[in-house]
């Protein structure tokens, strides 16, 4: 479940705090990178 402040990594396809690969991390609510 996505909550405000959570980040979703499009590359990994899951919610994470930080994407080591640095690919397409978007804000779960605003959709801004």
PDB file of N, CA and C in Angstrom:
ATOM      1  N   UNK A   1       0.841  -1.204   0.000  1.00  0.00           N
ATOM      2  CA  UNK A   1       0.000   0.000   0.000  1.00  0.00           C
ATOM      3  C   UNK A   1       0.875   1.253   0.000  1.00  0.00           C
ATOM      4  N   UNK A   2       0.628   2.103  -0.991  1.00  0.00           N
ATOM      5  CA  UNK A   2       1.413   3.326  -1.094  1.00  0.00           C
ATOM      6  C   UNK A   2       0.839   4.406  -0.199  1.00  0.00           C
ATOM      7  N   UNK A   3       1.719   5.075   0.524  1.00  0.00           N
ATOM      8  CA  UNK A   3       1.292   6.197   1.350  1.00  0.00           C
ATOM      9  C   UNK A   3       2.096   7.420   0.973  1.00  0.00           C
ATOM     10  N   UNK A   4       1.587   8.586   1.342  1.00  0.00           N
ATOM     11  CA  UNK A   4       2.292   9.815   1.022  1.00  0.00           C
ATOM     12  C   UNK A   4       3.705   9.785   1.593  1.00  0.00           C
ATOM     13  N   UNK A   5       4.682  10.086   0.755  1.00  0.00           N
ATOM     14  CA  UNK A   5       6.065  10.077   1.207  1.00  0.00           C
ATOM     15  C   UNK A   5       6.805   8.805   0.793  1.00  0.00           C
ATOM     16  N   UNK A   6       6.024   7.767   0.445  1.00  0.00           N
ATOM     17  CA  UNK A   6       6.642   6.536  -0.026  1.00  0.00           C
ATOM     18  C   UNK A   6       7.129   6.708  -1.459  1.00  0.00           C
ATOM     19  N   UNK A   7       8.130   5.947  -1.841  1.00  0.00           N
ATOM     20  CA  UNK A   7       8.639   6.025  -3.198  1.00  0.00           C
ATOM     21  C   UNK A   7       8.480   4.686  -3.905  1.00  0.00           C
ATOM     22  N   UNK A   8       8.157   4.746  -5.195  1.00  0.00           N
ATOM     23  CA  UNK A   8       7.965   3.541  -5.982  1.00  0.00           C
ATOM     24  C   UNK A   8       8.989   3.505  -7.104  1.00  0.00           C
ATOM     25  N   UNK A   9       9.758   2.436  -7.178  1.00  0.00           N
ATOM     26  CA  UNK A   9      10.755   2.309  -8.234  1.00  0.00           C
ATOM     27  C   UNK A   9      10.161   1.546  -9.400  1.00  0.00           C
ATOM     28  N   UNK A  10      10.005   2.219 -10.544  1.00  0.00           N
ATOM     29  CA  UNK A  10       9.422   1.605 -11.731  1.00  0.00           C
ATOM     30  C   UNK A  10      10.292   0.452 -12.221  1.00  0.00           C
ATOM     31  N   UNK A  11      11.610   0.636 -12.121  1.00  0.00           N
ATOM     32  CA  UNK A  11      12.531  -0.399 -12.587  1.00  0.00           C
ATOM     33  C   UNK A  11      12.431  -1.678 -11.763  1.00  0.00           C
ATOM     34  N   UNK A  12      12.327  -1.516 -10.442  1.00  0.00           N
ATOM     35  CA  UNK A  12      12.262  -2.682  -9.552  1.00  0.00           C
ATOM     36  C   UNK A  12      10.830  -3.184  -9.407  1.00  0.00           C
ATOM     37  N   UNK A  13       9.872  -2.280  -9.629  1.00  0.00           N
ATOM     38  CA  UNK A  13       8.467  -2.646  -9.531  1.00  0.00           C
ATOM     39  C   UNK A  13       7.988  -2.801  -8.104  1.00  0.00           C
ATOM     40  N   UNK A  14       8.656  -2.104  -7.183  1.00  0.00           N
ATOM     41  CA  UNK A  14       8.224  -2.193  -5.798  1.00  0.00           C
ATOM     42  C   UNK A  14       8.543  -0.916  -5.047  1.00  0.00           C
ATOM     43  N   UNK A  15       7.945  -0.791  -3.866  1.00  0.00           N
ATOM     44  CA  UNK A  15       8.167   0.383  -3.036  1.00  0.00           C
ATOM     45  C   UNK A  15       9.468   0.264  -2.275  1.00  0.00           C
ATOM     46  N   UNK A  16      10.304   1.288  -2.401  1.00  0.00           N
ATOM     47  CA  UNK A  16      11.571   1.284  -1.688  1.00  0.00           C
ATOM     48  C   UNK A  16      11.917   2.686  -1.234  1.00  0.00           C
ATOM     49  N   UNK A  17      12.816   2.781  -0.265  1.00  0.00           N
ATOM     50  CA  UNK A  17      13.260   4.089   0.209  1.00  0.00           C
ATOM     51  C   UNK A  17      14.324   4.649  -0.719  1.00  0.00           C
ATOM     52  N   UNK A  18      15.132   3.752  -1.290  1.00  0.00           N
ATOM     53  CA  UNK A  18      16.193   4.194  -2.176  1.00  0.00           C
ATOM     54  C   UNK A  18      16.475   3.114  -3.210  1.00  0.00           C
ATOM     55  N   UNK A  19      16.575   3.519  -4.472  1.00  0.00           N
ATOM     56  CA  UNK A  19      16.855   2.552  -5.534  1.00  0.00           C
ATOM     57  C   UNK A  19      18.338   2.567  -5.866  1.00  0.00           C
ATOM     58  N   UNK A  20      19.065   1.480  -5.538  1.00  0.00           N
ATOM     59  CA  UNK A  20      20.491   1.414  -5.796  1.00  0.00           C
ATOM     60  C   UNK A  20      20.824   1.543  -7.277  1.00  0.00           C
ATOM     61  N   UNK A  21      19.921   1.101  -8.113  1.00  0.00           N
ATOM     62  CA  UNK A  21      20.141   1.183  -9.557  1.00  0.00           C
ATOM     63  C   UNK A  21      19.880   2.598 -10.067  1.00  0.00           C
ATOM     64  N   UNK A  22      19.150   3.377  -9.268  1.00  0.00           N
ATOM     65  CA  UNK A  22      18.875   4.762  -9.635  1.00  0.00           C
ATOM     66  C   UNK A  22      17.921   4.900 -10.801  1.00  0.00           C
ATOM     67  N   UNK A  23      16.988   3.953 -10.926  1.00  0.00           N
ATOM     68  CA  UNK A  23      16.079   3.991 -12.058  1.00  0.00           C
ATOM     69  C   UNK A  23      14.663   4.404 -11.671  1.00  0.00           C
ATOM     70  N   UNK A  24      14.189   5.468 -12.296  1.00  0.00           N
ATOM     71  CA  UNK A  24      12.786   5.852 -12.241  1.00  0.00           C
ATOM     72  C   UNK A  24      12.134   5.754 -10.873  1.00  0.00           C
ATOM     73  N   UNK A  25      12.671   6.470  -9.917  1.00  0.00           N
ATOM     74  CA  UNK A  25      12.018   6.525  -8.613  1.00  0.00           C
ATOM     75  C   UNK A  25      11.005   7.670  -8.644  1.00  0.00           C
ATOM     76  N   UNK A  26       9.748   7.355  -8.451  1.00  0.00           N
ATOM     77  CA  UNK A  26       8.715   8.378  -8.509  1.00  0.00           C
ATOM     78  C   UNK A  26       7.980   8.476  -7.183  1.00  0.00           C
ATOM     79  N   UNK A  27       7.511   9.668  -6.891  1.00  0.00           N
ATOM     80  CA  UNK A  27       6.734   9.851  -5.672  1.00  0.00           C
ATOM     81  C   UNK A  27       5.399   9.127  -5.823  1.00  0.00           C
ATOM     82  N   UNK A  28       5.045   8.341  -4.833  1.00  0.00           N
ATOM     83  CA  UNK A  28       3.856   7.505  -4.901  1.00  0.00           C
ATOM     84  C   UNK A  28       2.576   8.320  -5.076  1.00  0.00           C
ATOM     85  N   UNK A  29       2.562   9.524  -4.544  1.00  0.00           N
ATOM     86  CA  UNK A  29       1.353  10.335  -4.592  1.00  0.00           C
ATOM     87  C   UNK A  29       1.361  11.310  -5.768  1.00  0.00           C
ATOM     88  N   UNK A  30       2.443  12.094  -5.889  1.00  0.00           N
ATOM     89  CA  UNK A  30       2.465  13.147  -6.899  1.00  0.00           C
ATOM     90  C   UNK A  30       2.907  12.644  -8.263  1.00  0.00           C
ATOM     91  N   UNK A  31       3.649  11.523  -8.279  1.00  0.00           N
ATOM     92  CA  UNK A  31       4.109  10.980  -9.542  1.00  0.00           C
ATOM     93  C   UNK A  31       5.309  11.718 -10.100  1.00  0.00           C
ATOM     94  N   UNK A  32       5.901  12.592  -9.271  1.00  0.00           N
ATOM     95  CA  UNK A  32       7.059  13.363  -9.715  1.00  0.00           C
ATOM     96  C   UNK A  32       8.333  12.599  -9.400  1.00  0.00           C
ATOM     97  N   UNK A  33       9.280  12.632 -10.320  1.00  0.00           N
ATOM     98  CA  UNK A  33      10.546  11.935 -10.107  1.00  0.00           C
ATOM     99  C   UNK A  33      11.308  12.596  -8.979  1.00  0.00           C
TER     100      UNK A  33
END
